[in-house]
Each structure stands twice: as C-alpha cells, then as structure tokens.
Amino acid sequence: MHTLYLANREGQPFSEHDRGEVAAILSGIFPAFTLIEATGYWRGRILPTLAIKLASEDHDAVDTAAEELRLAFQQQAVGIESEGRYRRITGPDAQTYPEHREQGD
C-alpha cells in the first residue's frame, strides 16, 4: 500500500475540477485508488491536502503517478509513503516554484 500526498500550495480547498484532474491522471495508471481529503501543515500554514491510497506492487507506476501529479499541479514535490518510509518525488524544475514564506521570513 502506498500513499501519495498532494498539497494545494495556494491554500485553497481542492475543487471538483482539481479532483477530476487527479482522478484522470490516476485512472490512466491504476484501475482503482482512494482520494482522502486531509489537512496538511507546512511552516505553520494550513494546506488542504489529498492523501491518495494506491494498492499496487508496481513502484515505478507509483513514482510515475507522483511525477505526473507534481507536474500537473506545479508542485516542488509530491510525498510518497511506502512500506513505512516517506520520500518525495521532485524534478529538475523543482526550484522554479518559490517556497511559501510568511512575511518576516
């Protein structure tokens, strides 16, 4: 079992359109998955997050899904939890997306 973590960096809830885009990307890779609305926190800031559960033995397909979501939603990274370990999928353009900083940082 794998869990992907996709945060909305704009701090807004995921829209129906966004969830549909996530579903379209994942449906092209996996026959089934579960989307769970969650609340993430980053540097004290609340970020609406989708926790995506994938029951798959195909680690490459999980990485592909994370990368496709990262690109589609212009994320620096998408988190993956697999076998009790957490890692992030990032790409060569990861630094092109500025980090969120609170005033005074």
C-alpha atoms as a PDB file:
ATOM      1  CA  MET A   1       0.000   0.000   0.000  1.00  0.00           C
ATOM      2  CA  HIS A   2       1.260   3.444  -0.936  1.00  0.00           C
ATOM      3  CA  THR A   3       0.035   6.906  -0.002  1.00  0.00           C
ATOM      4  CA  LEU A   4       0.733   9.955  -2.136  1.00  0.00           C
ATOM      5  CA  TYR A   5       0.459  13.387  -0.518  1.00  0.00           C
ATOM      6  CA  LEU A   6      -0.574  16.238  -2.809  1.00  0.00           C
ATOM      7  CA  ALA A   7      -0.907  19.614  -1.076  1.00  0.00           C
ATOM      8  CA  ASN A   8      -2.640  22.651  -2.545  1.00  0.00           C
ATOM      9  CA  ARG A   9       0.096  25.275  -2.327  1.00  0.00           C
ATOM     10  CA  GLU A  10      -2.445  28.038  -2.844  1.00  0.00           C
ATOM     11  CA  GLY A  11      -4.035  27.119   0.491  1.00  0.00           C
ATOM     12  CA  GLN A  12      -7.464  26.677  -1.113  1.00  0.00           C
ATOM     13  CA  PRO A  13      -9.559  23.505  -0.956  1.00  0.00           C
ATOM     14  CA  PHE A  14      -9.268  21.264  -3.994  1.00  0.00           C
ATOM     15  CA  SER A  15     -12.097  21.990  -6.412  1.00  0.00           C
ATOM     16  CA  GLU A  16     -14.214  19.372  -8.162  1.00  0.00           C
ATOM     17  CA  HIS A  17     -12.208  20.177 -11.296  1.00  0.00           C
ATOM     18  CA  ASP A  18      -8.923  19.569  -9.430  1.00  0.00           C
ATOM     19  CA  ARG A  19     -10.165  16.250  -8.033  1.00  0.00           C
ATOM     20  CA  GLY A  20     -11.325  15.303 -11.525  1.00  0.00           C
ATOM     21  CA  GLU A  21      -7.865  16.062 -12.890  1.00  0.00           C
ATOM     22  CA  VAL A  22      -6.269  13.939 -10.167  1.00  0.00           C
ATOM     23  CA  ALA A  23      -8.702  11.124 -10.955  1.00  0.00           C
ATOM     24  CA  ALA A  24      -8.000  11.367 -14.695  1.00  0.00           C
ATOM     25  CA  ILE A  25      -4.233  11.150 -14.137  1.00  0.00           C
ATOM     26  CA  LEU A  26      -4.509   8.226 -11.744  1.00  0.00           C
ATOM     27  CA  SER A  27      -7.099   6.371 -13.840  1.00  0.00           C
ATOM     28  CA  GLY A  28      -4.601   6.274 -16.685  1.00  0.00           C
ATOM     29  CA  ILE A  29      -2.177   4.352 -14.445  1.00  0.00           C
ATOM     30  CA  PHE A  30      -4.215   2.398 -11.867  1.00  0.00           C
ATOM     31  CA  PRO A  31      -7.562   0.584 -12.060  1.00  0.00           C
ATOM     32  CA  ALA A  32      -8.521   1.743  -8.537  1.00  0.00           C
ATOM     33  CA  PHE A  33      -7.434   4.251  -5.890  1.00  0.00           C
ATOM     34  CA  THR A  34      -8.856   6.228  -2.978  1.00  0.00           C
ATOM     35  CA  LEU A  35      -8.778  10.019  -2.563  1.00  0.00           C
ATOM     36  CA  ILE A  36      -8.923  11.257   1.025  1.00  0.00           C
ATOM     37  CA  GLU A  37      -9.341  14.946   1.890  1.00  0.00           C
ATOM     38  CA  ALA A  38      -6.811  15.888   4.568  1.00  0.00           C
ATOM     39  CA  THR A  39      -5.343  18.951   6.251  1.00  0.00           C
ATOM     40  CA  GLY A  40      -1.601  19.361   5.975  1.00  0.00           C
ATOM     41  CA  TYR A  41       0.615  21.890   7.724  1.00  0.00           C
ATOM     42  CA  TRP A  42       3.778  23.456   6.370  1.00  0.00           C
ATOM     43  CA  ARG A  43       5.698  26.064   8.363  1.00  0.00           C
ATOM     44  CA  GLY A  44       2.566  26.704  10.413  1.00  0.00           C
ATOM     45  CA  ARG A  45       0.408  27.213   7.345  1.00  0.00           C
ATOM     46  CA  ILE A  46      -2.653  25.057   6.705  1.00  0.00           C
ATOM     47  CA  LEU A  47      -2.582  23.374   3.305  1.00  0.00           C
ATOM     48  CA  PRO A  48      -5.545  21.386   2.021  1.00  0.00           C
ATOM     49  CA  THR A  49      -4.102  18.028   1.011  1.00  0.00           C
ATOM     50  CA  LEU A  50      -5.221  14.963  -0.895  1.00  0.00           C
ATOM     51  CA  ALA A  51      -3.964  11.693   0.545  1.00  0.00           C
ATOM     52  CA  ILE A  52      -4.141   9.182  -2.304  1.00  0.00           C
ATOM     53  CA  LYS A  53      -4.134   5.493  -1.406  1.00  0.00           C
ATOM     54  CA  LEU A  54      -2.778   3.087  -4.011  1.00  0.00           C
ATOM     55  CA  ALA A  55      -2.792  -0.683  -3.601  1.00  0.00           C
ATOM     56  CA  SER A  56      -0.057  -1.618  -6.051  1.00  0.00           C
ATOM     57  CA  GLU A  57       3.110  -3.680  -6.216  1.00  0.00           C
ATOM     58  CA  ASP A  58       4.367  -1.533  -9.099  1.00  0.00           C
ATOM     59  CA  HIS A  59       6.701   1.023  -7.502  1.00  0.00           C
ATOM     60  CA  ASP A  60       7.593   2.531 -10.870  1.00  0.00           C
ATOM     61  CA  ALA A  61       3.905   3.226 -11.579  1.00  0.00           C
ATOM     62  CA  VAL A  62       3.583   4.898  -8.162  1.00  0.00           C
ATOM     63  CA  ASP A  63       6.563   7.123  -8.967  1.00  0.00           C
ATOM     64  CA  THR A  64       5.079   7.911 -12.385  1.00  0.00           C
ATOM     65  CA  ALA A  65       1.773   8.912 -10.793  1.00  0.00           C
ATOM     66  CA  ALA A  66       3.554  11.162  -8.288  1.00  0.00           C
ATOM     67  CA  GLU A  67       5.569  12.840 -11.047  1.00  0.00           C
ATOM     68  CA  GLU A  68       2.502  13.381 -13.250  1.00  0.00           C
ATOM     69  CA  LEU A  69       0.617  14.935 -10.310  1.00  0.00           C
ATOM     70  CA  ARG A  70       3.638  17.080  -9.424  1.00  0.00           C
ATOM     71  CA  LEU A  71       3.805  18.479 -12.935  1.00  0.00           C
ATOM     72  CA  ALA A  72       0.044  18.908 -13.373  1.00  0.00           C
ATOM     73  CA  PHE A  73      -0.271  20.851 -10.114  1.00  0.00           C
ATOM     74  CA  GLN A  74       3.085  22.657 -10.384  1.00  0.00           C
ATOM     75  CA  GLN A  75       4.445  21.278  -7.129  1.00  0.00           C
ATOM     76  CA  GLN A  76       8.036  21.243  -5.926  1.00  0.00           C
ATOM     77  CA  ALA A  77       7.378  17.714  -4.688  1.00  0.00           C
ATOM     78  CA  VAL A  78       4.769  15.059  -4.071  1.00  0.00           C
ATOM     79  CA  GLY A  79       5.236  12.947  -0.956  1.00  0.00           C
ATOM     80  CA  ILE A  80       5.110   9.160  -1.072  1.00  0.00           C
ATOM     81  CA  GLU A  81       4.744   6.855   1.907  1.00  0.00           C
ATOM     82  CA  SER A  82       5.566   3.231   1.093  1.00  0.00           C
ATOM     83  CA  GLU A  83       6.352   0.364   3.421  1.00  0.00           C
ATOM     84  CA  GLY A  84       6.568   2.715   6.395  1.00  0.00           C
ATOM     85  CA  ARG A  85       9.059   5.060   4.722  1.00  0.00           C
ATOM     86  CA  TYR A  86       8.487   8.585   3.434  1.00  0.00           C
ATOM     87  CA  ARG A  87      10.169  10.110   0.400  1.00  0.00           C
ATOM     88  CA  ARG A  88       9.466  12.873  -2.090  1.00  0.00           C
ATOM     89  CA  ILE A  89       9.326  12.904  -5.868  1.00  0.00           C
ATOM     90  CA  THR A  90      10.959  16.056  -7.173  1.00  0.00           C
ATOM     91  CA  GLY A  91      12.120  17.045 -10.624  1.00  0.00           C
ATOM     92  CA  PRO A  92      14.766  19.188 -12.242  1.00  0.00           C
ATOM     93  CA  ASP A  93      12.358  22.131 -12.252  1.00  0.00           C
ATOM     94  CA  ALA A  94      11.605  21.866  -8.522  1.00  0.00           C
ATOM     95  CA  GLN A  95      13.424  25.092  -7.732  1.00  0.00           C
ATOM     96  CA  THR A  96      11.361  27.071 -10.249  1.00  0.00           C
ATOM     97  CA  TYR A  97       8.436  27.085  -7.824  1.00  0.00           C
ATOM     98  CA  PRO A  98       9.136  29.520  -4.975  1.00  0.00           C
ATOM     99  CA  GLU A  99       8.730  28.313  -1.432  1.00  0.00           C
ATOM    100  CA  HIS A 100       5.906  29.838   0.564  1.00  0.00           C
ATOM    101  CA  ARG A 101       7.302  32.270   3.081  1.00  0.00           C
ATOM    102  CA  GLU A 102       5.456  34.146   5.750  1.00  0.00           C
ATOM    103  CA  GLN A 103       6.113  37.855   5.993  1.00  0.00           C
ATOM    104  CA  GLY A 104       9.236  38.459   8.005  1.00  0.00           C
ATOM    105  CA  ASP A 105      10.957  35.215   6.923  1.00  0.00           C
END
